[in-house]
Amino acid sequence: MAAVLAGLDTREYAPIAVHYAAQPPIQGRPGDRKLAETGRRIYEEGLPDRGVPACAGCHQPDAGGNARFPRLAGQHQAYTRKQLADYARGRRATDRQMVLIAQALSAEEIGALAEYVAGL
């Protein structure tokens, strides 16, 4: 996306954002229902023994997001896995809380969360 934006005038950003914001969400599809069930438990309950809060607390129970936290529902699994992995490695350090959460998750747990939110 950065390469596309580099060729645009910043005045063009708002109309593009309005266009994409107006698009209706598409129902996602988890590929692995068993893995998605593990993700659901993490999403709804967190992992309190490791200090991982329930994702639903910020991103909403339906993963629809709000003005402060992004929508996760229906997001492609690969994208969600990459973003969480980038947080865990400090490559995406814009949100310190997400960095700490992602660092506490295993690769399998990240995959489970990605499966779950893809199906919402």
PDB file of N, CA and C in Angstrom:
ATOM      1  N   MET A   1       0.817  -1.187   0.000  1.00  0.00           N
ATOM      2  CA  MET A   1       0.000   0.000   0.000  1.00  0.00           C
ATOM      3  C   MET A   1       0.865   1.256   0.000  1.00  0.00           C
ATOM      4  N   ALA A   2       1.999   1.193   0.666  1.00  0.00           N
ATOM      5  CA  ALA A   2       2.875   2.371   0.732  1.00  0.00           C
ATOM      6  C   ALA A   2       3.305   2.806  -0.665  1.00  0.00           C
ATOM      7  N   ALA A   3       3.576   1.861  -1.552  1.00  0.00           N
ATOM      8  CA  ALA A   3       3.996   2.208  -2.909  1.00  0.00           C
ATOM      9  C   ALA A   3       2.876   2.921  -3.658  1.00  0.00           C
ATOM     10  N   VAL A   4       1.649   2.491  -3.446  1.00  0.00           N
ATOM     11  CA  VAL A   4       0.509   3.139  -4.098  1.00  0.00           C
ATOM     12  C   VAL A   4       0.333   4.551  -3.554  1.00  0.00           C
ATOM     13  N   LEU A   5       0.385   4.693  -2.249  1.00  0.00           N
ATOM     14  CA  LEU A   5       0.188   6.002  -1.631  1.00  0.00           C
ATOM     15  C   LEU A   5       1.295   6.986  -1.994  1.00  0.00           C
ATOM     16  N   ALA A   6       2.482   6.486  -2.242  1.00  0.00           N
ATOM     17  CA  ALA A   6       3.604   7.367  -2.572  1.00  0.00           C
ATOM     18  C   ALA A   6       3.332   8.172  -3.841  1.00  0.00           C
ATOM     19  N   GLY A   7       2.533   7.615  -4.739  1.00  0.00           N
ATOM     20  CA  GLY A   7       2.243   8.304  -5.981  1.00  0.00           C
ATOM     21  C   GLY A   7       1.027   9.220  -5.927  1.00  0.00           C
ATOM     22  N   LEU A   8       0.409   9.344  -4.762  1.00  0.00           N
ATOM     23  CA  LEU A   8      -0.793  10.166  -4.625  1.00  0.00           C
ATOM     24  C   LEU A   8      -0.515  11.454  -3.878  1.00  0.00           C
ATOM     25  N   ASP A   9      -1.293  12.437  -4.180  1.00  0.00           N
ATOM     26  CA  ASP A   9      -1.275  13.683  -3.424  1.00  0.00           C
ATOM     27  C   ASP A   9      -2.020  13.404  -2.120  1.00  0.00           C
ATOM     28  N   THR A  10      -1.563  13.930  -1.014  1.00  0.00           N
ATOM     29  CA  THR A  10      -2.208  13.658   0.280  1.00  0.00           C
ATOM     30  C   THR A  10      -3.665  14.106   0.307  1.00  0.00           C
ATOM     31  N   ARG A  11      -4.045  15.029  -0.549  1.00  0.00           N
ATOM     32  CA  ARG A  11      -5.451  15.457  -0.616  1.00  0.00           C
ATOM     33  C   ARG A  11      -6.351  14.355  -1.166  1.00  0.00           C
ATOM     34  N   GLU A  12      -5.762  13.356  -1.791  1.00  0.00           N
ATOM     35  CA  GLU A  12      -6.543  12.250  -2.343  1.00  0.00           C
ATOM     36  C   GLU A  12      -6.829  11.166  -1.290  1.00  0.00           C
ATOM     37  N   TYR A  13      -6.173  11.221  -0.153  1.00  0.00           N
ATOM     38  CA  TYR A  13      -6.340  10.189   0.883  1.00  0.00           C
ATOM     39  C   TYR A  13      -7.765  10.132   1.419  1.00  0.00           C
ATOM     40  N   ALA A  14      -8.337  11.270   1.765  1.00  0.00           N
ATOM     41  CA  ALA A  14      -9.668  11.285   2.389  1.00  0.00           C
ATOM     42  C   ALA A  14     -10.738  10.654   1.496  1.00  0.00           C
ATOM     43  N   PRO A  15     -10.832  11.012   0.215  1.00  0.00           N
ATOM     44  CA  PRO A  15     -11.855  10.370  -0.616  1.00  0.00           C
ATOM     45  C   PRO A  15     -11.651   8.853  -0.743  1.00  0.00           C
ATOM     46  N   ILE A  16     -10.414   8.431  -0.782  1.00  0.00           N
ATOM     47  CA  ILE A  16     -10.137   6.994  -0.861  1.00  0.00           C
ATOM     48  C   ILE A  16     -10.581   6.314   0.431  1.00  0.00           C
ATOM     49  N   ALA A  17     -10.267   6.915   1.556  1.00  0.00           N
ATOM     50  CA  ALA A  17     -10.675   6.355   2.849  1.00  0.00           C
ATOM     51  C   ALA A  17     -12.190   6.278   2.961  1.00  0.00           C
ATOM     52  N   VAL A  18     -12.873   7.308   2.513  1.00  0.00           N
ATOM     53  CA  VAL A  18     -14.338   7.323   2.546  1.00  0.00           C
ATOM     54  C   VAL A  18     -14.891   6.182   1.690  1.00  0.00           C
ATOM     55  N   HIS A  19     -14.322   6.004   0.518  1.00  0.00           N
ATOM     56  CA  HIS A  19     -14.769   4.929  -0.365  1.00  0.00           C
ATOM     57  C   HIS A  19     -14.638   3.561   0.313  1.00  0.00           C
ATOM     58  N   TYR A  20     -13.462   3.279   0.839  1.00  0.00           N
ATOM     59  CA  TYR A  20     -13.256   1.955   1.453  1.00  0.00           C
ATOM     60  C   TYR A  20     -14.071   1.788   2.734  1.00  0.00           C
ATOM     61  N   ALA A  21     -14.245   2.837   3.484  1.00  0.00           N
ATOM     62  CA  ALA A  21     -15.045   2.759   4.711  1.00  0.00           C
ATOM     63  C   ALA A  21     -16.509   2.457   4.402  1.00  0.00           C
ATOM     64  N   ALA A  22     -16.968   2.838   3.223  1.00  0.00           N
ATOM     65  CA  ALA A  22     -18.368   2.621   2.846  1.00  0.00           C
ATOM     66  C   ALA A  22     -18.633   1.202   2.337  1.00  0.00           C
ATOM     67  N   GLN A  23     -17.582   0.425   2.106  1.00  0.00           N
ATOM     68  CA  GLN A  23     -17.770  -0.924   1.587  1.00  0.00           C
ATOM     69  C   GLN A  23     -18.318  -1.836   2.684  1.00  0.00           C
ATOM     70  N   PRO A  24     -19.322  -2.650   2.361  1.00  0.00           N
ATOM     71  CA  PRO A  24     -19.871  -3.553   3.375  1.00  0.00           C
ATOM     72  C   PRO A  24     -18.878  -4.662   3.698  1.00  0.00           C
ATOM     73  N   PRO A  25     -18.797  -5.051   4.965  1.00  0.00           N
ATOM     74  CA  PRO A  25     -17.903  -6.152   5.332  1.00  0.00           C
ATOM     75  C   PRO A  25     -18.350  -7.454   4.665  1.00  0.00           C
ATOM     76  N   ILE A  26     -17.404  -8.295   4.365  1.00  0.00           N
ATOM     77  CA  ILE A  26     -17.687  -9.591   3.754  1.00  0.00           C
ATOM     78  C   ILE A  26     -17.472 -10.673   4.810  1.00  0.00           C
ATOM     79  N   GLN A  27     -18.406 -11.606   4.881  1.00  0.00           N
ATOM     80  CA  GLN A  27     -18.283 -12.722   5.823  1.00  0.00           C
ATOM     81  C   GLN A  27     -17.038 -13.535   5.497  1.00  0.00           C
ATOM     82  N   GLY A  28     -16.182 -13.725   6.474  1.00  0.00           N
ATOM     83  CA  GLY A  28     -14.979 -14.518   6.282  1.00  0.00           C
ATOM     84  C   GLY A  28     -15.266 -15.999   6.438  1.00  0.00           C
ATOM     85  N   ARG A  29     -14.248 -16.797   6.189  1.00  0.00           N
ATOM     86  CA  ARG A  29     -14.392 -18.240   6.319  1.00  0.00           C
ATOM     87  C   ARG A  29     -13.149 -18.828   6.968  1.00  0.00           C
ATOM     88  N   PRO A  30     -13.311 -19.412   8.156  1.00  0.00           N
ATOM     89  CA  PRO A  30     -12.146 -20.078   8.737  1.00  0.00           C
ATOM     90  C   PRO A  30     -11.838 -21.349   7.960  1.00  0.00           C
ATOM     91  N   GLY A  31     -10.570 -21.657   7.816  1.00  0.00           N
ATOM     92  CA  GLY A  31     -10.182 -22.866   7.103  1.00  0.00           C
ATOM     93  C   GLY A  31     -10.131 -24.082   8.006  1.00  0.00           C
ATOM     94  N   ASP A  32      -9.900 -23.873   9.270  1.00  0.00           N
ATOM     95  CA  ASP A  32      -9.735 -24.970  10.229  1.00  0.00           C
ATOM     96  C   ASP A  32     -10.627 -24.684  11.430  1.00  0.00           C
ATOM     97  N   ARG A  33     -11.757 -25.343  11.495  1.00  0.00           N
ATOM     98  CA  ARG A  33     -12.742 -25.066  12.558  1.00  0.00           C
ATOM     99  C   ARG A  33     -12.220 -25.392  13.958  1.00  0.00           C
ATOM    100  N   LYS A  34     -11.424 -26.434  14.091  1.00  0.00           N
ATOM    101  CA  LYS A  34     -10.874 -26.792  15.407  1.00  0.00           C
ATOM    102  C   LYS A  34      -9.909 -25.696  15.884  1.00  0.00           C
ATOM    103  N   LEU A  35      -9.072 -25.229  14.992  1.00  0.00           N
ATOM    104  CA  LEU A  35      -8.146 -24.153  15.327  1.00  0.00           C
ATOM    105  C   LEU A  35      -8.919 -22.875  15.644  1.00  0.00           C
ATOM    106  N   ALA A  36      -9.982 -22.623  14.887  1.00  0.00           N
ATOM    107  CA  ALA A  36     -10.815 -21.439  15.125  1.00  0.00           C
ATOM    108  C   ALA A  36     -11.451 -21.494  16.510  1.00  0.00           C
ATOM    109  N   GLU A  37     -11.821 -22.670  16.971  1.00  0.00           N
ATOM    110  CA  GLU A  37     -12.406 -22.798  18.310  1.00  0.00           C
ATOM    111  C   GLU A  37     -11.381 -22.434  19.382  1.00  0.00           C
ATOM    112  N   THR A  38     -10.137 -22.837  19.200  1.00  0.00           N
ATOM    113  CA  THR A  38      -9.077 -22.429  20.128  1.00  0.00           C
ATOM    114  C   THR A  38      -8.927 -20.910  20.094  1.00  0.00           C
ATOM    115  N   GLY A  39      -8.973 -20.338  18.906  1.00  0.00           N
ATOM    116  CA  GLY A  39      -8.884 -18.894  18.759  1.00  0.00           C
ATOM    117  C   GLY A  39     -10.042 -18.180  19.427  1.00  0.00           C
ATOM    118  N   ARG A  40     -11.233 -18.756  19.326  1.00  0.00           N
ATOM    119  CA  ARG A  40     -12.403 -18.158  19.976  1.00  0.00           C
ATOM    120  C   ARG A  40     -12.194 -18.050  21.479  1.00  0.00           C
ATOM    121  N   ARG A  41     -11.677 -19.098  22.079  1.00  0.00           N
ATOM    122  CA  ARG A  41     -11.441 -19.061  23.532  1.00  0.00           C
ATOM    123  C   ARG A  41     -10.442 -17.968  23.899  1.00  0.00           C
ATOM    124  N   ILE A  42      -9.374 -17.858  23.130  1.00  0.00           N
ATOM    125  CA  ILE A  42      -8.384 -16.804  23.407  1.00  0.00           C
ATOM    126  C   ILE A  42      -9.017 -15.433  23.184  1.00  0.00           C
ATOM    127  N   TYR A  43      -9.760 -15.280  22.093  1.00  0.00           N
ATOM    128  CA  TYR A  43     -10.385 -13.995  21.764  1.00  0.00           C
ATOM    129  C   TYR A  43     -11.347 -13.563  22.866  1.00  0.00           C
ATOM    130  N   GLU A  44     -12.157 -14.479  23.339  1.00  0.00           N
ATOM    131  CA  GLU A  44     -13.191 -14.139  24.322  1.00  0.00           C
ATOM    132  C   GLU A  44     -12.686 -14.118  25.762  1.00  0.00           C
ATOM    133  N   GLU A  45     -11.717 -14.962  26.092  1.00  0.00           N
ATOM    134  CA  GLU A  45     -11.281 -15.107  27.484  1.00  0.00           C
ATOM    135  C   GLU A  45      -9.861 -14.635  27.750  1.00  0.00           C
ATOM    136  N   GLY A  46      -9.055 -14.517  26.702  1.00  0.00           N
ATOM    137  CA  GLY A  46      -7.645 -14.182  26.879  1.00  0.00           C
ATOM    138  C   GLY A  46      -6.870 -15.355  27.443  1.00  0.00           C
ATOM    139  N   LEU A  47      -5.676 -15.081  27.896  1.00  0.00           N
ATOM    140  CA  LEU A  47      -4.822 -16.067  28.558  1.00  0.00           C
ATOM    141  C   LEU A  47      -4.344 -15.421  29.849  1.00  0.00           C
ATOM    142  N   PRO A  48      -5.209 -15.397  30.865  1.00  0.00           N
ATOM    143  CA  PRO A  48      -4.895 -14.647  32.086  1.00  0.00           C
ATOM    144  C   PRO A  48      -3.590 -15.059  32.763  1.00  0.00           C
ATOM    145  N   ASP A  49      -3.233 -16.337  32.673  1.00  0.00           N
ATOM    146  CA  ASP A  49      -1.999 -16.800  33.309  1.00  0.00           C
ATOM    147  C   ASP A  49      -0.749 -16.184  32.685  1.00  0.00           C
ATOM    148  N   ARG A  50      -0.879 -15.628  31.458  1.00  0.00           N
ATOM    149  CA  ARG A  50       0.248 -14.976  30.783  1.00  0.00           C
ATOM    150  C   ARG A  50       0.019 -13.499  30.564  1.00  0.00           C
ATOM    151  N   GLY A  51      -1.026 -12.968  31.181  1.00  0.00           N
ATOM    152  CA  GLY A  51      -1.280 -11.531  31.062  1.00  0.00           C
ATOM    153  C   GLY A  51      -1.859 -11.110  29.732  1.00  0.00           C
ATOM    154  N   VAL A  52      -2.442 -12.043  28.999  1.00  0.00           N
ATOM    155  CA  VAL A  52      -3.046 -11.717  27.712  1.00  0.00           C
ATOM    156  C   VAL A  52      -4.533 -11.467  27.934  1.00  0.00           C
ATOM    157  N   PRO A  53      -4.974 -10.229  27.727  1.00  0.00           N
ATOM    158  CA  PRO A  53      -6.402  -9.935  27.917  1.00  0.00           C
ATOM    159  C   PRO A  53      -7.227 -10.486  26.758  1.00  0.00           C
ATOM    160  N   ALA A  54      -8.513 -10.591  26.968  1.00  0.00           N
ATOM    161  CA  ALA A  54      -9.418 -11.002  25.899  1.00  0.00           C
ATOM    162  C   ALA A  54      -9.401  -9.943  24.803  1.00  0.00           C
ATOM    163  N   CYS A  55      -9.262 -10.371  23.578  1.00  0.00           N
ATOM    164  CA  CYS A  55      -9.264  -9.445  22.437  1.00  0.00           C
ATOM    165  C   CYS A  55     -10.590  -8.689  22.359  1.00  0.00           C
ATOM    166  N   ALA A  56     -11.663  -9.385  22.758  1.00  0.00           N
ATOM    167  CA  ALA A  56     -13.009  -8.805  22.688  1.00  0.00           C
ATOM    168  C   ALA A  56     -13.124  -7.536  23.523  1.00  0.00           C
ATOM    169  N   GLY A  57     -12.307  -7.382  24.549  1.00  0.00           N
ATOM    170  CA  GLY A  57     -12.374  -6.214  25.405  1.00  0.00           C
ATOM    171  C   GLY A  57     -12.093  -4.920  24.668  1.00  0.00           C
ATOM    172  N   CYS A  58     -11.243  -4.970  23.666  1.00  0.00           N
ATOM    173  CA  CYS A  58     -10.929  -3.768  22.881  1.00  0.00           C
ATOM    174  C   CYS A  58     -11.575  -3.798  21.502  1.00  0.00           C
ATOM    175  N   HIS A  59     -11.486  -4.939  20.834  1.00  0.00           N
ATOM    176  CA  HIS A  59     -11.951  -5.042  19.455  1.00  0.00           C
ATOM    177  C   HIS A  59     -13.433  -5.373  19.352  1.00  0.00           C
ATOM    178  N   GLN A  60     -14.123  -5.489  20.500  1.00  0.00           N
ATOM    179  CA  GLN A  60     -15.554  -5.769  20.602  1.00  0.00           C
ATOM    180  C   GLN A  60     -15.826  -7.271  20.464  1.00  0.00           C
ATOM    181  N   PRO A  61     -16.885  -7.748  21.103  1.00  0.00           N
ATOM    182  CA  PRO A  61     -17.205  -9.184  21.052  1.00  0.00           C
ATOM    183  C   PRO A  61     -17.388  -9.728  19.632  1.00  0.00           C
ATOM    184  N   ASP A  62     -17.899  -8.900  18.726  1.00  0.00           N
ATOM    185  CA  ASP A  62     -18.097  -9.361  17.350  1.00  0.00           C
ATOM    186  C   ASP A  62     -16.896  -9.046  16.451  1.00  0.00           C
ATOM    187  N   ALA A  63     -15.830  -8.525  17.038  1.00  0.00           N
ATOM    188  CA  ALA A  63     -14.606  -8.130  16.337  1.00  0.00           C
ATOM    189  C   ALA A  63     -14.857  -7.016  15.321  1.00  0.00           C
ATOM    190  N   GLY A  64     -15.935  -6.271  15.542  1.00  0.00           N
ATOM    191  CA  GLY A  64     -16.277  -5.182  14.640  1.00  0.00           C
ATOM    192  C   GLY A  64     -15.472  -3.920  14.847  1.00  0.00           C
ATOM    193  N   GLY A  65     -14.708  -3.866  15.946  1.00  0.00           N
ATOM    194  CA  GLY A  65     -13.895  -2.697  16.216  1.00  0.00           C
ATOM    195  C   GLY A  65     -14.732  -1.489  16.600  1.00  0.00           C
ATOM    196  N   ASN A  66     -14.067  -0.359  16.742  1.00  0.00           N
ATOM    197  CA  ASN A  66     -14.729   0.897  17.083  1.00  0.00           C
ATOM    198  C   ASN A  66     -13.812   2.040  16.663  1.00  0.00           C
ATOM    199  N   ALA A  67     -14.076   3.231  17.122  1.00  0.00           N
ATOM    200  CA  ALA A  67     -13.273   4.384  16.707  1.00  0.00           C
ATOM    201  C   ALA A  67     -11.805   4.263  17.118  1.00  0.00           C
ATOM    202  N   ARG A  68     -11.522   3.531  18.169  1.00  0.00           N
ATOM    203  CA  ARG A  68     -10.145   3.428  18.662  1.00  0.00           C
ATOM    204  C   ARG A  68      -9.442   2.140  18.248  1.00  0.00           C
ATOM    205  N   PHE A  69     -10.193   1.045  18.119  1.00  0.00           N
ATOM    206  CA  PHE A  69      -9.593  -0.255  17.834  1.00  0.00           C
ATOM    207  C   PHE A  69     -10.133  -0.801  16.514  1.00  0.00           C
ATOM    208  N   PRO A  70      -9.268  -1.317  15.657  1.00  0.00           N
ATOM    209  CA  PRO A  70      -9.711  -1.719  14.317  1.00  0.00           C
ATOM    210  C   PRO A  70     -10.599  -2.956  14.296  1.00  0.00           C
ATOM    211  N   ARG A  71     -11.389  -3.031  13.234  1.00  0.00           N
ATOM    212  CA  ARG A  71     -12.204  -4.202  12.946  1.00  0.00           C
ATOM    213  C   ARG A  71     -11.261  -5.358  12.627  1.00  0.00           C
ATOM    214  N   LEU A  72     -11.530  -6.517  13.191  1.00  0.00           N
ATOM    215  CA  LEU A  72     -10.776  -7.719  12.884  1.00  0.00           C
ATOM    216  C   LEU A  72     -11.632  -8.746  12.153  1.00  0.00           C
ATOM    217  N   ALA A  73     -12.937  -8.648  12.327  1.00  0.00           N
ATOM    218  CA  ALA A  73     -13.857  -9.632  11.756  1.00  0.00           C
ATOM    219  C   ALA A  73     -13.679  -9.753  10.249  1.00  0.00           C
ATOM    220  N   GLY A  74     -13.519 -10.992   9.796  1.00  0.00           N
ATOM    221  CA  GLY A  74     -13.405 -11.272   8.373  1.00  0.00           C
ATOM    222  C   GLY A  74     -12.036 -11.014   7.777  1.00  0.00           C
ATOM    223  N   GLN A  75     -11.092 -10.579   8.590  1.00  0.00           N
ATOM    224  CA  GLN A  75      -9.757 -10.294   8.071  1.00  0.00           C
ATOM    225  C   GLN A  75      -9.097 -11.605   7.622  1.00  0.00           C
ATOM    226  N   HIS A  76      -8.362 -11.558   6.539  1.00  0.00           N
ATOM    227  CA  HIS A  76      -7.676 -12.751   6.040  1.00  0.00           C
ATOM    228  C   HIS A  76      -6.688 -13.280   7.078  1.00  0.00           C
ATOM    229  N   GLN A  77      -6.617 -14.599   7.179  1.00  0.00           N
ATOM    230  CA  GLN A  77      -5.749 -15.239   8.161  1.00  0.00           C
ATOM    231  C   GLN A  77      -4.291 -14.801   8.013  1.00  0.00           C
ATOM    232  N   ALA A  78      -3.790 -14.804   6.793  1.00  0.00           N
ATOM    233  CA  ALA A  78      -2.382 -14.459   6.581  1.00  0.00           C
ATOM    234  C   ALA A  78      -2.078 -13.042   7.053  1.00  0.00           C
ATOM    235  N   TYR A  79      -2.988 -12.123   6.818  1.00  0.00           N
ATOM    236  CA  TYR A  79      -2.779 -10.736   7.245  1.00  0.00           C
ATOM    237  C   TYR A  79      -2.739 -10.647   8.772  1.00  0.00           C
ATOM    238  N   THR A  80      -3.690 -11.287   9.433  1.00  0.00           N
ATOM    239  CA  THR A  80      -3.740 -11.245  10.898  1.00  0.00           C
ATOM    240  C   THR A  80      -2.489 -11.877  11.492  1.00  0.00           C
ATOM    241  N   ARG A  81      -2.085 -13.027  10.953  1.00  0.00           N
ATOM    242  CA  ARG A  81      -0.854 -13.680  11.448  1.00  0.00           C
ATOM    243  C   ARG A  81       0.343 -12.756  11.277  1.00  0.00           C
ATOM    244  N   LYS A  82       0.466 -12.124  10.124  1.00  0.00           N
ATOM    245  CA  LYS A  82       1.605 -11.244   9.874  1.00  0.00           C
ATOM    246  C   LYS A  82       1.612 -10.054  10.826  1.00  0.00           C
ATOM    247  N   GLN A  83       0.458  -9.435  11.030  1.00  0.00           N
ATOM    248  CA  GLN A  83       0.413  -8.267  11.902  1.00  0.00           C
ATOM    249  C   GLN A  83       0.786  -8.646  13.328  1.00  0.00           C
ATOM    250  N   LEU A  84       0.249  -9.753  13.828  1.00  0.00           N
ATOM    251  CA  LEU A  84       0.588 -10.177  15.196  1.00  0.00           C
ATOM    252  C   LEU A  84       2.069 -10.556  15.297  1.00  0.00           C
ATOM    253  N   ALA A  85       2.589 -11.218  14.269  1.00  0.00           N
ATOM    254  CA  ALA A  85       4.018 -11.564  14.268  1.00  0.00           C
ATOM    255  C   ALA A  85       4.874 -10.298  14.223  1.00  0.00           C
ATOM    256  N   ASP A  86       4.457  -9.308  13.445  1.00  0.00           N
ATOM    257  CA  ASP A  86       5.202  -8.043  13.394  1.00  0.00           C
ATOM    258  C   ASP A  86       5.177  -7.335  14.745  1.00  0.00           C
ATOM    259  N   TYR A  87       4.048  -7.352  15.422  1.00  0.00           N
ATOM    260  CA  TYR A  87       3.994  -6.788  16.779  1.00  0.00           C
ATOM    261  C   TYR A  87       4.964  -7.541  17.686  1.00  0.00           C
ATOM    262  N   ALA A  88       4.920  -8.852  17.634  1.00  0.00           N
ATOM    263  CA  ALA A  88       5.763  -9.674  18.521  1.00  0.00           C
ATOM    264  C   ALA A  88       7.247  -9.418  18.294  1.00  0.00           C
ATOM    265  N   ARG A  89       7.638  -9.157  17.065  1.00  0.00           N
ATOM    266  CA  ARG A  89       9.052  -8.918  16.733  1.00  0.00           C
ATOM    267  C   ARG A  89       9.449  -7.452  16.863  1.00  0.00           C
ATOM    268  N   GLY A  90       8.477  -6.606  17.217  1.00  0.00           N
ATOM    269  CA  GLY A  90       8.780  -5.185  17.351  1.00  0.00           C
ATOM    270  C   GLY A  90       8.838  -4.444  16.035  1.00  0.00           C
ATOM    271  N   ARG A  91       8.441  -5.091  14.943  1.00  0.00           N
ATOM    272  CA  ARG A  91       8.434  -4.432  13.632  1.00  0.00           C
ATOM    273  C   ARG A  91       7.266  -3.475  13.493  1.00  0.00           C
ATOM    274  N   ARG A  92       6.252  -3.706  14.285  1.00  0.00           N
ATOM    275  CA  ARG A  92       5.083  -2.823  14.315  1.00  0.00           C
ATOM    276  C   ARG A  92       4.918  -2.404  15.772  1.00  0.00           C
ATOM    277  N   ALA A  93       5.572  -1.358  16.138  1.00  0.00           N
ATOM    278  CA  ALA A  93       5.640  -0.962  17.543  1.00  0.00           C
ATOM    279  C   ALA A  93       4.788   0.259  17.848  1.00  0.00           C
ATOM    280  N   THR A  94       3.776   0.512  17.052  1.00  0.00           N
ATOM    281  CA  THR A  94       2.938   1.698  17.241  1.00  0.00           C
ATOM    282  C   THR A  94       2.035   1.583  18.461  1.00  0.00           C
ATOM    283  N   ASP A  95       1.814   0.388  18.944  1.00  0.00           N
ATOM    284  CA  ASP A  95       0.922   0.153  20.075  1.00  0.00           C
ATOM    285  C   ASP A  95       1.633  -0.768  21.067  1.00  0.00           C
ATOM    286  N   ARG A  96       2.157  -0.191  22.115  1.00  0.00           N
ATOM    287  CA  ARG A  96       2.957  -0.958  23.094  1.00  0.00           C
ATOM    288  C   ARG A  96       2.159  -2.113  23.699  1.00  0.00           C
ATOM    289  N   GLN A  97       0.872  -1.900  23.954  1.00  0.00           N
ATOM    290  CA  GLN A  97       0.042  -2.963  24.524  1.00  0.00           C
ATOM    291  C   GLN A  97      -0.029  -4.161  23.568  1.00  0.00           C
ATOM    292  N   MET A  98      -0.192  -3.905  22.276  1.00  0.00           N
ATOM    293  CA  MET A  98      -0.252  -4.996  21.307  1.00  0.00           C
ATOM    294  C   MET A  98       1.089  -5.706  21.183  1.00  0.00           C
ATOM    295  N   VAL A  99       2.173  -4.979  21.314  1.00  0.00           N
ATOM    296  CA  VAL A  99       3.495  -5.611  21.291  1.00  0.00           C
ATOM    297  C   VAL A  99       3.595  -6.614  22.436  1.00  0.00           C
ATOM    298  N   LEU A 100       3.212  -6.197  23.631  1.00  0.00           N
ATOM    299  CA  LEU A 100       3.295  -7.088  24.801  1.00  0.00           C
ATOM    300  C   LEU A 100       2.368  -8.291  24.655  1.00  0.00           C
ATOM    301  N   ILE A 101       1.178  -8.055  24.148  1.00  0.00           N
ATOM    302  CA  ILE A 101       0.230  -9.159  23.957  1.00  0.00           C
ATOM    303  C   ILE A 101       0.787 -10.156  22.943  1.00  0.00           C
ATOM    304  N   ALA A 102       1.220  -9.658  21.803  1.00  0.00           N
ATOM    305  CA  ALA A 102       1.716 -10.547  20.751  1.00  0.00           C
ATOM    306  C   ALA A 102       2.947 -11.319  21.204  1.00  0.00           C
ATOM    307  N   GLN A 103       3.799 -10.694  21.994  1.00  0.00           N
ATOM    308  CA  GLN A 103       4.994 -11.383  22.485  1.00  0.00           C
ATOM    309  C   GLN A 103       4.645 -12.519  23.440  1.00  0.00           C
ATOM    310  N   ALA A 104       3.478 -12.452  24.054  1.00  0.00           N
ATOM    311  CA  ALA A 104       3.054 -13.505  24.984  1.00  0.00           C
ATOM    312  C   ALA A 104       2.357 -14.664  24.275  1.00  0.00           C
ATOM    313  N   LEU A 105       2.081 -14.525  22.988  1.00  0.00           N
ATOM    314  CA  LEU A 105       1.386 -15.565  22.234  1.00  0.00           C
ATOM    315  C   LEU A 105       2.372 -16.454  21.488  1.00  0.00           C
ATOM    316  N   SER A 106       2.054 -17.743  21.421  1.00  0.00           N
ATOM    317  CA  SER A 106       2.848 -18.662  20.604  1.00  0.00           C
ATOM    318  C   SER A 106       2.410 -18.530  19.146  1.00  0.00           C
ATOM    319  N   ALA A 107       3.203 -19.069  18.251  1.00  0.00           N
ATOM    320  CA  ALA A 107       2.836 -19.056  16.834  1.00  0.00           C
ATOM    321  C   ALA A 107       1.523 -19.803  16.617  1.00  0.00           C
ATOM    322  N   GLU A 108       1.299 -20.866  17.362  1.00  0.00           N
ATOM    323  CA  GLU A 108       0.055 -21.636  17.237  1.00  0.00           C
ATOM    324  C   GLU A 108      -1.138 -20.816  17.716  1.00  0.00           C
ATOM    325  N   GLU A 109      -0.970 -20.062  18.787  1.00  0.00           N
ATOM    326  CA  GLU A 109      -2.050 -19.216  19.302  1.00  0.00           C
ATOM    327  C   GLU A 109      -2.362 -18.075  18.343  1.00  0.00           C
ATOM    328  N   ILE A 110      -1.335 -17.522  17.736  1.00  0.00           N
ATOM    329  CA  ILE A 110      -1.538 -16.482  16.730  1.00  0.00           C
ATOM    330  C   ILE A 110      -2.333 -17.055  15.561  1.00  0.00           C
ATOM    331  N   GLY A 111      -1.966 -18.250  15.131  1.00  0.00           N
ATOM    332  CA  GLY A 111      -2.691 -18.908  14.040  1.00  0.00           C
ATOM    333  C   GLY A 111      -4.140 -19.178  14.396  1.00  0.00           C
ATOM    334  N   ALA A 112      -4.374 -19.572  15.643  1.00  0.00           N
ATOM    335  CA  ALA A 112      -5.741 -19.845  16.105  1.00  0.00           C
ATOM    336  C   ALA A 112      -6.575 -18.566  16.102  1.00  0.00           C
ATOM    337  N   LEU A 113      -6.005 -17.486  16.581  1.00  0.00           N
ATOM    338  CA  LEU A 113      -6.727 -16.203  16.565  1.00  0.00           C
ATOM    339  C   LEU A 113      -7.035 -15.768  15.143  1.00  0.00           C
ATOM    340  N   ALA A 114      -6.060 -15.950  14.246  1.00  0.00           N
ATOM    341  CA  ALA A 114      -6.268 -15.577  12.852  1.00  0.00           C
ATOM    342  C   ALA A 114      -7.398 -16.385  12.229  1.00  0.00           C
ATOM    343  N   GLU A 115      -7.471 -17.677  12.545  1.00  0.00           N
ATOM    344  CA  GLU A 115      -8.573 -18.516  12.041  1.00  0.00           C
ATOM    345  C   GLU A 115      -9.903 -18.038  12.576  1.00  0.00           C
ATOM    346  N   TYR A 116      -9.947 -17.731  13.862  1.00  0.00           N
ATOM    347  CA  TYR A 116     -11.211 -17.331  14.462  1.00  0.00           C
ATOM    348  C   TYR A 116     -11.740 -16.028  13.877  1.00  0.00           C
ATOM    349  N   VAL A 117     -10.919 -14.980  13.859  1.00  0.00           N
ATOM    350  CA  VAL A 117     -11.428 -13.694  13.393  1.00  0.00           C
ATOM    351  C   VAL A 117     -11.761 -13.731  11.907  1.00  0.00           C
ATOM    352  N   ALA A 118     -11.110 -14.604  11.150  1.00  0.00           N
ATOM    353  CA  ALA A 118     -11.427 -14.724   9.727  1.00  0.00           C
ATOM    354  C   ALA A 118     -12.857 -15.172   9.510  1.00  0.00           C
ATOM    355  N   GLY A 119     -13.389 -15.929  10.439  1.00  0.00           N
ATOM    356  CA  GLY A 119     -14.744 -16.461  10.296  1.00  0.00           C
ATOM    357  C   GLY A 119     -15.836 -15.584  10.864  1.00  0.00           C
ATOM    358  N   LEU A 120     -15.481 -14.441  11.409  1.00  0.00           N
ATOM    359  CA  LEU A 120     -16.505 -13.560  11.992  1.00  0.00           C
ATOM    360  C   LEU A 120     -17.075 -12.614  10.940  1.00  0.00           C
TER     361      LEU A 120
END
